[in-house]
Amino acid sequence: MRWLLLVLTLFAFLLCFTRHSAGAWGFWLLIGLVGIATTTLAFAQARIADHSRSDSLSEYDLMRLREGKDPLNHDRLGR
């Protein structure tokens, strides 16, 4: 989806710079600027989603949380 947004944004700028009337130029420029913001947020969201942890913890991790232990450091050095 983000690649489609990028292509549509570039197409809007292409249309913007090939129009001869001020109204069409302004409309496509506005669409291009909105597209830049939308495309940037879509790429940022995809990058954040790729590097995030899973949403749920295992039963073992939940048990360790209830005991007051860190669920991500499973018995470091046997302690």
Protein backbone atom coordinates (compact mmCIF):
# COMPACT_ATOMS: atom_id res chain seq x y z
CA MET A 1 0.00 0.00 0.00
CA ARG A 2 2.80 2.41 0.85
CA TRP A 3 4.38 1.86 -2.56
CA LEU A 4 1.08 2.67 -4.23
CA LEU A 5 0.89 5.88 -2.18
CA LEU A 6 4.40 6.80 -3.30
CA VAL A 7 3.55 6.23 -6.97
CA LEU A 8 0.32 8.22 -6.68
CA THR A 9 2.15 11.08 -4.96
CA LEU A 10 4.77 11.21 -7.70
CA PHE A 11 2.00 11.10 -10.31
CA ALA A 12 0.24 14.02 -8.58
CA PHE A 13 3.45 16.08 -8.76
CA LEU A 14 3.88 15.12 -12.42
CA LEU A 15 0.36 16.34 -13.13
CA CYS A 16 1.02 19.46 -11.06
CA PHE A 17 4.02 20.53 -13.08
CA THR A 18 2.42 19.78 -16.46
CA ARG A 19 -0.81 21.77 -15.92
CA HIS A 20 -1.12 25.26 -17.37
CA SER A 21 -3.99 26.67 -15.31
CA ALA A 22 -3.49 27.91 -11.78
CA GLY A 23 -6.48 26.01 -10.42
CA ALA A 24 -5.31 22.62 -11.69
CA TRP A 25 -1.74 23.39 -10.60
CA GLY A 26 -2.90 24.25 -7.09
CA PHE A 27 -5.17 21.22 -6.83
CA TRP A 28 -2.46 18.73 -7.84
CA LEU A 29 0.10 20.48 -5.65
CA LEU A 30 -2.25 20.11 -2.67
CA ILE A 31 -2.82 16.43 -3.50
CA GLY A 32 0.96 15.95 -3.79
CA LEU A 33 1.64 17.58 -0.41
CA VAL A 34 -1.03 15.48 1.29
CA GLY A 35 0.48 12.46 -0.46
CA ILE A 36 3.95 13.27 0.91
CA ALA A 37 2.62 13.36 4.46
CA THR A 38 0.59 10.18 4.01
CA THR A 39 3.43 8.28 2.32
CA THR A 40 5.91 9.33 5.01
CA LEU A 41 3.60 8.12 7.77
CA ALA A 42 2.96 4.84 5.92
CA PHE A 43 6.69 4.12 5.58
CA ALA A 44 7.31 5.07 9.22
CA GLN A 45 4.48 2.79 10.38
CA ALA A 46 5.85 -0.11 8.34
CA ARG A 47 9.34 0.36 9.78
CA ILE A 48 8.03 0.53 13.35
CA ALA A 49 5.91 -2.58 12.81
CA ASP A 50 8.91 -4.50 11.44
CA HIS A 51 11.04 -3.76 14.49
CA SER A 52 8.47 -4.17 17.25
CA ARG A 53 8.05 -7.11 19.59
CA SER A 54 5.07 -9.40 19.43
CA ASP A 55 1.99 -8.19 21.25
CA SER A 56 1.53 -11.12 23.59
CA LEU A 57 3.67 -12.83 26.19
CA SER A 58 3.91 -16.56 26.75
CA GLU A 59 2.41 -18.21 29.81
CA TYR A 60 5.91 -18.55 31.27
CA ASP A 61 6.58 -14.82 30.83
CA LEU A 62 3.24 -13.95 32.44
CA MET A 63 4.06 -16.20 35.40
CA ARG A 64 7.44 -14.47 35.82
CA LEU A 65 5.74 -11.07 35.71
CA ARG A 66 3.34 -12.13 38.49
CA GLU A 67 6.36 -13.24 40.56
CA GLY A 68 7.95 -9.82 40.08
CA LYS A 69 10.75 -11.05 37.81
CA ASP A 70 11.78 -9.68 34.43
CA PRO A 71 10.12 -11.81 31.72
CA LEU A 72 12.70 -10.98 29.06
CA ASN A 73 15.79 -12.07 31.02
CA HIS A 74 15.15 -15.75 31.66
CA ASP A 75 17.39 -16.89 34.53
CA ARG A 76 20.47 -14.92 33.66
CA LEU A 77 23.56 -16.75 35.03
CA GLY A 78 21.35 -19.21 36.86
CA ARG A 79 20.13 -16.68 39.46
